[in-house]
PDB file of all heavy atoms in Angstrom:
ATOM      1  N   VAL A   1       0.855  -1.181   0.000  1.00  0.00           N
ATOM      2  CA  VAL A   1       0.000   0.000   0.000  1.00  0.00           C
ATOM      3  C   VAL A   1       0.900   1.243   0.000  1.00  0.00           C
ATOM      4  O   VAL A   1       1.865   1.315   0.776  1.00  0.00           O
ATOM      5  CB  VAL A   1      -0.943   0.003   1.213  1.00  0.00           C
ATOM      6  CG1 VAL A   1      -1.774   1.277   1.261  1.00  0.00           C
ATOM      7  CG2 VAL A   1      -1.851  -1.225   1.159  1.00  0.00           C
ATOM      8  N   VAL A   2       0.582   2.192  -0.854  1.00  0.00           N
ATOM      9  CA  VAL A   2       1.434   3.379  -1.031  1.00  0.00           C
ATOM     10  C   VAL A   2       0.602   4.640  -0.898  1.00  0.00           C
ATOM     11  O   VAL A   2      -0.504   4.728  -1.448  1.00  0.00           O
ATOM     12  CB  VAL A   2       2.115   3.369  -2.413  1.00  0.00           C
ATOM     13  CG1 VAL A   2       2.984   4.618  -2.597  1.00  0.00           C
ATOM     14  CG2 VAL A   2       2.941   2.107  -2.610  1.00  0.00           C
ATOM     15  N   PHE A   3       1.112   5.610  -0.162  1.00  0.00           N
ATOM     16  CA  PHE A   3       0.590   6.968  -0.225  1.00  0.00           C
ATOM     17  C   PHE A   3       1.679   7.837  -0.822  1.00  0.00           C
ATOM     18  O   PHE A   3       2.759   7.983  -0.254  1.00  0.00           O
ATOM     19  CB  PHE A   3       0.177   7.500   1.144  1.00  0.00           C
ATOM     20  CG  PHE A   3      -0.508   8.846   1.037  1.00  0.00           C
ATOM     21  CD1 PHE A   3      -1.851   8.919   0.707  1.00  0.00           C
ATOM     22  CD2 PHE A   3       0.191  10.022   1.226  1.00  0.00           C
ATOM     23  CE1 PHE A   3      -2.488  10.150   0.563  1.00  0.00           C
ATOM     24  CE2 PHE A   3      -0.430  11.258   1.087  1.00  0.00           C
ATOM     25  CZ  PHE A   3      -1.779  11.316   0.760  1.00  0.00           C
ATOM     26  N   TYR A   4       1.380   8.384  -1.993  1.00  0.00           N
ATOM     27  CA  TYR A   4       2.317   9.242  -2.706  1.00  0.00           C
ATOM     28  C   TYR A   4       1.868  10.686  -2.553  1.00  0.00           C
ATOM     29  O   TYR A   4       0.673  10.981  -2.609  1.00  0.00           O
ATOM     30  CB  TYR A   4       2.330   8.859  -4.186  1.00  0.00           C
ATOM     31  CG  TYR A   4       2.963   9.892  -5.091  1.00  0.00           C
ATOM     32  CD1 TYR A   4       4.309   9.822  -5.436  1.00  0.00           C
ATOM     33  CD2 TYR A   4       2.202  10.934  -5.618  1.00  0.00           C
ATOM     34  CE1 TYR A   4       4.883  10.782  -6.262  1.00  0.00           C
ATOM     35  CE2 TYR A   4       2.773  11.896  -6.444  1.00  0.00           C
ATOM     36  CZ  TYR A   4       4.113  11.810  -6.756  1.00  0.00           C
ATOM     37  OH  TYR A   4       4.676  12.764  -7.575  1.00  0.00           O
ATOM     38  N   TYR A   5       2.827  11.592  -2.361  1.00  0.00           N
ATOM     39  CA  TYR A   5       2.481  13.005  -2.351  1.00  0.00           C
ATOM     40  C   TYR A   5       3.611  13.833  -2.964  1.00  0.00           C
ATOM     41  O   TYR A   5       4.763  13.399  -3.028  1.00  0.00           O
ATOM     42  CB  TYR A   5       2.124  13.512  -0.958  1.00  0.00           C
ATOM     43  CG  TYR A   5       3.231  13.462   0.076  1.00  0.00           C
ATOM     44  CD1 TYR A   5       3.979  14.594   0.394  1.00  0.00           C
ATOM     45  CD2 TYR A   5       3.502  12.293   0.789  1.00  0.00           C
ATOM     46  CE1 TYR A   5       4.970  14.571   1.367  1.00  0.00           C
ATOM     47  CE2 TYR A   5       4.485  12.253   1.765  1.00  0.00           C
ATOM     48  CZ  TYR A   5       5.223  13.391   2.048  1.00  0.00           C
ATOM     49  OH  TYR A   5       6.205  13.361   3.007  1.00  0.00           O
ATOM     50  N   TYR A   6       3.234  15.026  -3.400  1.00  0.00           N
ATOM     51  CA  TYR A   6       4.178  15.926  -4.044  1.00  0.00           C
ATOM     52  C   TYR A   6       4.446  17.113  -3.133  1.00  0.00           C
ATOM     53  O   TYR A   6       3.518  17.775  -2.656  1.00  0.00           O
ATOM     54  CB  TYR A   6       3.602  16.417  -5.377  1.00  0.00           C
ATOM     55  CG  TYR A   6       4.532  17.315  -6.151  1.00  0.00           C
ATOM     56  CD1 TYR A   6       5.628  16.788  -6.824  1.00  0.00           C
ATOM     57  CD2 TYR A   6       4.313  18.687  -6.210  1.00  0.00           C
ATOM     58  CE1 TYR A   6       6.485  17.612  -7.544  1.00  0.00           C
ATOM     59  CE2 TYR A   6       5.166  19.518  -6.920  1.00  0.00           C
ATOM     60  CZ  TYR A   6       6.250  18.973  -7.581  1.00  0.00           C
ATOM     61  OH  TYR A   6       7.108  19.788  -8.288  1.00  0.00           O
ATOM     62  N   ASN A   7       5.718  17.374  -2.845  1.00  0.00           N
ATOM     63  CA  ASN A   7       6.093  18.495  -1.988  1.00  0.00           C
ATOM     64  C   ASN A   7       7.154  19.367  -2.659  1.00  0.00           C
ATOM     65  O   ASN A   7       7.957  20.006  -1.997  1.00  0.00           O
ATOM     66  CB  ASN A   7       6.610  17.982  -0.641  1.00  0.00           C
ATOM     67  CG  ASN A   7       7.823  17.082  -0.793  1.00  0.00           C
ATOM     68  OD1 ASN A   7       8.372  16.956  -1.882  1.00  0.00           O
ATOM     69  ND2 ASN A   7       8.246  16.446   0.282  1.00  0.00           N
ATOM     70  N   GLY A   8       7.116  19.343  -3.997  1.00  0.00           N
ATOM     71  CA  GLY A   8       8.171  19.958  -4.786  1.00  0.00           C
ATOM     72  C   GLY A   8       8.980  18.892  -5.488  1.00  0.00           C
ATOM     73  O   GLY A   8       9.667  19.147  -6.489  1.00  0.00           O
ATOM     74  N   SER A   9       8.909  17.671  -4.951  1.00  0.00           N
ATOM     75  CA  SER A   9       9.495  16.489  -5.573  1.00  0.00           C
ATOM     76  C   SER A   9       8.646  15.286  -5.167  1.00  0.00           C
ATOM     77  O   SER A   9       7.944  15.315  -4.150  1.00  0.00           O
ATOM     78  CB  SER A   9      10.955  16.296  -5.136  1.00  0.00           C
ATOM     79  OG  SER A   9      11.033  16.121  -3.739  1.00  0.00           O
ATOM     80  N   PRO A  10       8.677  14.197  -5.930  1.00  0.00           N
ATOM     81  CA  PRO A  10       7.862  13.022  -5.606  1.00  0.00           C
ATOM     82  C   PRO A  10       8.303  12.376  -4.296  1.00  0.00           C
ATOM     83  O   PRO A  10       9.498  12.168  -4.063  1.00  0.00           O
ATOM     84  CB  PRO A  10       8.119  12.086  -6.789  1.00  0.00           C
ATOM     85  CG  PRO A  10       8.630  12.958  -7.888  1.00  0.00           C
ATOM     86  CD  PRO A  10       9.404  14.051  -7.198  1.00  0.00           C
ATOM     87  N   THR A  11       7.336  12.060  -3.434  1.00  0.00           N
ATOM     88  CA  THR A  11       7.609  11.442  -2.139  1.00  0.00           C
ATOM     89  C   THR A  11       6.590  10.338  -1.916  1.00  0.00           C
ATOM     90  O   THR A  11       5.409  10.516  -2.193  1.00  0.00           O
ATOM     91  CB  THR A  11       7.503  12.484  -1.012  1.00  0.00           C
ATOM     92  OG1 THR A  11       8.347  13.588  -1.309  1.00  0.00           O
ATOM     93  CG2 THR A  11       7.923  11.883   0.324  1.00  0.00           C
ATOM     94  N   ALA A  12       7.025   9.193  -1.413  1.00  0.00           N
ATOM     95  CA  ALA A  12       6.103   8.073  -1.211  1.00  0.00           C
ATOM     96  C   ALA A  12       6.334   7.417   0.138  1.00  0.00           C
ATOM     97  O   ALA A  12       7.467   7.277   0.607  1.00  0.00           O
ATOM     98  CB  ALA A  12       6.263   7.042  -2.320  1.00  0.00           C
ATOM     99  N   VAL A  13       5.235   7.027   0.776  1.00  0.00           N
ATOM    100  CA  VAL A  13       5.258   6.211   1.998  1.00  0.00           C
ATOM    101  C   VAL A  13       4.702   4.850   1.612  1.00  0.00           C
ATOM    102  O   VAL A  13       3.608   4.764   1.041  1.00  0.00           O
ATOM    103  CB  VAL A  13       4.408   6.847   3.112  1.00  0.00           C
ATOM    104  CG1 VAL A  13       4.415   5.975   4.356  1.00  0.00           C
ATOM    105  CG2 VAL A  13       4.906   8.255   3.429  1.00  0.00           C
ATOM    106  N   THR A  14       5.422   3.775   1.900  1.00  0.00           N
ATOM    107  CA  THR A  14       5.061   2.437   1.433  1.00  0.00           C
ATOM    108  C   THR A  14       4.965   1.469   2.601  1.00  0.00           C
ATOM    109  O   THR A  14       5.826   1.466   3.487  1.00  0.00           O
ATOM    110  CB  THR A  14       6.107   1.924   0.423  1.00  0.00           C
ATOM    111  OG1 THR A  14       6.244   2.868  -0.648  1.00  0.00           O
ATOM    112  CG2 THR A  14       5.708   0.579  -0.155  1.00  0.00           C
ATOM    113  N   SER A  15       3.929   0.629   2.593  1.00  0.00           N
ATOM    114  CA  SER A  15       3.739  -0.342   3.670  1.00  0.00           C
ATOM    115  C   SER A  15       4.707  -1.511   3.538  1.00  0.00           C
ATOM    116  O   SER A  15       5.183  -1.835   2.439  1.00  0.00           O
ATOM    117  CB  SER A  15       2.304  -0.885   3.651  1.00  0.00           C
ATOM    118  OG  SER A  15       2.092  -1.728   2.529  1.00  0.00           O
ATOM    119  N   THR A  16       4.970  -2.167   4.663  1.00  0.00           N
ATOM    120  CA  THR A  16       5.697  -3.435   4.651  1.00  0.00           C
ATOM    121  C   THR A  16       4.735  -4.564   4.305  1.00  0.00           C
ATOM    122  O   THR A  16       5.047  -5.457   3.518  1.00  0.00           O
ATOM    123  CB  THR A  16       6.347  -3.696   6.011  1.00  0.00           C
ATOM    124  OG1 THR A  16       7.255  -2.626   6.309  1.00  0.00           O
ATOM    125  CG2 THR A  16       7.109  -5.012   6.016  1.00  0.00           C
ATOM    126  N   ALA A  17       3.542  -4.509   4.895  1.00  0.00           N
ATOM    127  CA  ALA A  17       2.521  -5.528   4.647  1.00  0.00           C
ATOM    128  C   ALA A  17       1.976  -5.400   3.230  1.00  0.00           C
ATOM    129  O   ALA A  17       2.029  -4.326   2.618  1.00  0.00           O
ATOM    130  CB  ALA A  17       1.393  -5.387   5.661  1.00  0.00           C
ATOM    131  N   THR A  18       1.444  -6.496   2.701  1.00  0.00           N
ATOM    132  CA  THR A  18       0.854  -6.503   1.365  1.00  0.00           C
ATOM    133  C   THR A  18      -0.583  -7.009   1.429  1.00  0.00           C
ATOM    134  O   THR A  18      -0.978  -7.679   2.384  1.00  0.00           O
ATOM    135  CB  THR A  18       1.654  -7.413   0.410  1.00  0.00           C
ATOM    136  OG1 THR A  18       1.680  -8.748   0.942  1.00  0.00           O
ATOM    137  CG2 THR A  18       3.081  -6.908   0.252  1.00  0.00           C
ATOM    138  N   ILE A  19      -1.356  -6.676   0.399  1.00  0.00           N
ATOM    139  CA  ILE A  19      -2.712  -7.201   0.292  1.00  0.00           C
ATOM    140  C   ILE A  19      -2.677  -8.485  -0.533  1.00  0.00           C
ATOM    141  O   ILE A  19      -1.744  -8.727  -1.295  1.00  0.00           O
ATOM    142  CB  ILE A  19      -3.676  -6.185  -0.338  1.00  0.00           C
ATOM    143  CG1 ILE A  19      -3.269  -5.857  -1.783  1.00  0.00           C
ATOM    144  CG2 ILE A  19      -3.727  -4.910   0.499  1.00  0.00           C
ATOM    145  CD1 ILE A  19      -4.294  -5.024  -2.520  1.00  0.00           C
ATOM    146  N   SER A  20      -3.706  -9.312  -0.370  1.00  0.00           N
ATOM    147  CA  SER A  20      -3.775 -10.586  -1.076  1.00  0.00           C
ATOM    148  C   SER A  20      -4.578 -10.450  -2.358  1.00  0.00           C
ATOM    149  O   SER A  20      -5.554  -9.692  -2.421  1.00  0.00           O
ATOM    150  CB  SER A  20      -4.434 -11.652  -0.185  1.00  0.00           C
ATOM    151  OG  SER A  20      -3.692 -11.848   0.998  1.00  0.00           O
ATOM    152  N   ALA A  21      -4.175 -11.197  -3.380  1.00  0.00           N
ATOM    153  CA  ALA A  21      -4.939 -11.250  -4.616  1.00  0.00           C
ATOM    154  C   ALA A  21      -6.205 -12.058  -4.399  1.00  0.00           C
ATOM    155  O   ALA A  21      -6.266 -12.941  -3.533  1.00  0.00           O
ATOM    156  CB  ALA A  21      -4.103 -11.874  -5.735  1.00  0.00           C
ATOM    157  N   GLN A  22      -7.248 -11.742  -5.177  1.00  0.00           N
ATOM    158  CA  GLN A  22      -8.512 -12.468  -5.153  1.00  0.00           C
ATOM    159  C   GLN A  22      -9.178 -12.438  -3.777  1.00  0.00           C
ATOM    160  O   GLN A  22      -9.785 -13.422  -3.334  1.00  0.00           O
ATOM    161  CB  GLN A  22      -8.305 -13.927  -5.605  1.00  0.00           C
ATOM    162  CG  GLN A  22      -7.679 -14.067  -6.977  1.00  0.00           C
ATOM    163  CD  GLN A  22      -8.509 -13.401  -8.067  1.00  0.00           C
ATOM    164  OE1 GLN A  22      -9.733 -13.520  -8.096  1.00  0.00           O
ATOM    165  NE2 GLN A  22      -7.852 -12.661  -8.946  1.00  0.00           N
ATOM    166  N   ALA A  23      -9.044 -11.343  -3.080  1.00  0.00           N
ATOM    167  CA  ALA A  23      -9.666 -11.184  -1.757  1.00  0.00           C
ATOM    168  C   ALA A  23      -9.898  -9.703  -1.497  1.00  0.00           C
ATOM    169  O   ALA A  23      -9.143  -8.850  -1.975  1.00  0.00           O
ATOM    170  CB  ALA A  23      -8.775 -11.770  -0.667  1.00  0.00           C
ATOM    171  N   TRP A  24     -10.949  -9.396  -0.743  1.00  0.00           N
ATOM    172  CA  TRP A  24     -11.181  -8.017  -0.333  1.00  0.00           C
ATOM    173  C   TRP A  24     -10.159  -7.623   0.736  1.00  0.00           C
ATOM    174  O   TRP A  24      -9.868  -8.402   1.643  1.00  0.00           O
ATOM    175  CB  TRP A  24     -12.586  -7.856   0.230  1.00  0.00           C
ATOM    176  CG  TRP A  24     -13.645  -7.795  -0.823  1.00  0.00           C
ATOM    177  CD1 TRP A  24     -14.522  -8.786  -1.164  1.00  0.00           C
ATOM    178  CD2 TRP A  24     -13.944  -6.682  -1.668  1.00  0.00           C
ATOM    179  NE1 TRP A  24     -15.341  -8.359  -2.188  1.00  0.00           N
ATOM    180  CE2 TRP A  24     -15.014  -7.069  -2.512  1.00  0.00           C
ATOM    181  CE3 TRP A  24     -13.417  -5.399  -1.808  1.00  0.00           C
ATOM    182  CZ2 TRP A  24     -15.564  -6.223  -3.467  1.00  0.00           C
ATOM    183  CZ3 TRP A  24     -13.958  -4.553  -2.759  1.00  0.00           C
ATOM    184  CH2 TRP A  24     -15.020  -4.960  -3.577  1.00  0.00           C
ATOM    185  N   SER A  25      -9.627  -6.431   0.617  1.00  0.00           N
ATOM    186  CA  SER A  25      -8.694  -5.894   1.606  1.00  0.00           C
ATOM    187  C   SER A  25      -9.133  -4.491   1.989  1.00  0.00           C
ATOM    188  O   SER A  25      -9.562  -3.711   1.136  1.00  0.00           O
ATOM    189  CB  SER A  25      -7.265  -5.829   1.041  1.00  0.00           C
ATOM    190  OG  SER A  25      -6.769  -7.112   0.736  1.00  0.00           O
ATOM    191  N   HIS A  26      -9.017  -4.165   3.269  1.00  0.00           N
ATOM    192  CA  HIS A  26      -9.287  -2.811   3.735  1.00  0.00           C
ATOM    193  C   HIS A  26      -7.953  -2.095   3.870  1.00  0.00           C
ATOM    194  O   HIS A  26      -7.035  -2.576   4.536  1.00  0.00           O
ATOM    195  CB  HIS A  26      -9.988  -2.836   5.098  1.00  0.00           C
ATOM    196  CG  HIS A  26     -10.320  -1.465   5.625  1.00  0.00           C
ATOM    197  ND1 HIS A  26      -9.400  -0.717   6.326  1.00  0.00           N
ATOM    198  CD2 HIS A  26     -11.445  -0.707   5.538  1.00  0.00           C
ATOM    199  CE1 HIS A  26      -9.952   0.448   6.657  1.00  0.00           C
ATOM    200  NE2 HIS A  26     -11.185   0.474   6.194  1.00  0.00           N
ATOM    201  N   ILE A  27      -7.833  -0.934   3.224  1.00  0.00           N
ATOM    202  CA  ILE A  27      -6.617  -0.138   3.345  1.00  0.00           C
ATOM    203  C   ILE A  27      -6.992   1.274   3.761  1.00  0.00           C
ATOM    204  O   ILE A  27      -8.050   1.777   3.411  1.00  0.00           O
ATOM    205  CB  ILE A  27      -5.791  -0.133   2.042  1.00  0.00           C
ATOM    206  CG1 ILE A  27      -6.576   0.506   0.884  1.00  0.00           C
ATOM    207  CG2 ILE A  27      -5.345  -1.539   1.682  1.00  0.00           C
ATOM    208  CD1 ILE A  27      -5.763   0.650  -0.400  1.00  0.00           C
ATOM    209  N   ALA A  28      -6.124   1.896   4.536  1.00  0.00           N
ATOM    210  CA  ALA A  28      -6.390   3.244   5.043  1.00  0.00           C
ATOM    211  C   ALA A  28      -5.079   3.978   5.267  1.00  0.00           C
ATOM    212  O   ALA A  28      -4.009   3.353   5.397  1.00  0.00           O
ATOM    213  CB  ALA A  28      -7.193   3.186   6.345  1.00  0.00           C
ATOM    214  N   MET A  29      -5.154   5.298   5.296  1.00  0.00           N
ATOM    215  CA  MET A  29      -4.018   6.113   5.696  1.00  0.00           C
ATOM    216  C   MET A  29      -4.524   7.284   6.512  1.00  0.00           C
ATOM    217  O   MET A  29      -5.649   7.747   6.332  1.00  0.00           O
ATOM    218  CB  MET A  29      -3.212   6.620   4.496  1.00  0.00           C
ATOM    219  CG  MET A  29      -3.915   7.580   3.552  1.00  0.00           C
ATOM    220  SD  MET A  29      -4.074   9.331   4.118  1.00  0.00           S
ATOM    221  CE  MET A  29      -2.365   9.796   4.270  1.00  0.00           C
ATOM    222  N   THR A  30      -3.705   7.726   7.458  1.00  0.00           N
ATOM    223  CA  THR A  30      -4.018   8.936   8.206  1.00  0.00           C
ATOM    224  C   THR A  30      -2.812   9.859   8.174  1.00  0.00           C
ATOM    225  O   THR A  30      -1.660   9.417   8.090  1.00  0.00           O
ATOM    226  CB  THR A  30      -4.379   8.647   9.678  1.00  0.00           C
ATOM    227  OG1 THR A  30      -3.265   8.008  10.326  1.00  0.00           O
ATOM    228  CG2 THR A  30      -5.604   7.759   9.779  1.00  0.00           C
ATOM    229  N   LYS A  31      -3.107  11.153   8.237  1.00  0.00           N
ATOM    230  CA  LYS A  31      -2.060  12.160   8.370  1.00  0.00           C
ATOM    231  C   LYS A  31      -2.330  12.957   9.630  1.00  0.00           C
ATOM    232  O   LYS A  31      -3.450  13.436   9.850  1.00  0.00           O
ATOM    233  CB  LYS A  31      -2.056  13.100   7.174  1.00  0.00           C
ATOM    234  CG  LYS A  31      -0.903  14.131   7.226  1.00  0.00           C
ATOM    235  CD  LYS A  31      -1.093  15.255   6.217  1.00  0.00           C
ATOM    236  CE  LYS A  31      -2.002  16.333   6.756  1.00  0.00           C
ATOM    237  NZ  LYS A  31      -1.998  17.577   5.931  1.00  0.00           N
ATOM    238  N   THR A  32      -1.333  13.090  10.475  1.00  0.00           N
ATOM    239  CA  THR A  32      -1.406  13.926  11.674  1.00  0.00           C
ATOM    240  C   THR A  32      -0.125  14.760  11.735  1.00  0.00           C
ATOM    241  O   THR A  32       0.742  14.654  10.864  1.00  0.00           O
ATOM    242  CB  THR A  32      -1.520  13.085  12.957  1.00  0.00           C
ATOM    243  OG1 THR A  32      -0.290  12.366  13.156  1.00  0.00           O
ATOM    244  CG2 THR A  32      -2.679  12.081  12.870  1.00  0.00           C
TER     245      THR A  32
END
C-alpha cells in the first residue's frame, strides 16, 4: 500500500505488509 504526495518532488510512503490477490482488503491512511 502506497501513499504518494508531491512536496516539490515526488515522495512516497510504502507499507511493509501486502494485500492478497482475489480477496477483499481494507486499506487506510491517516495524516497527523
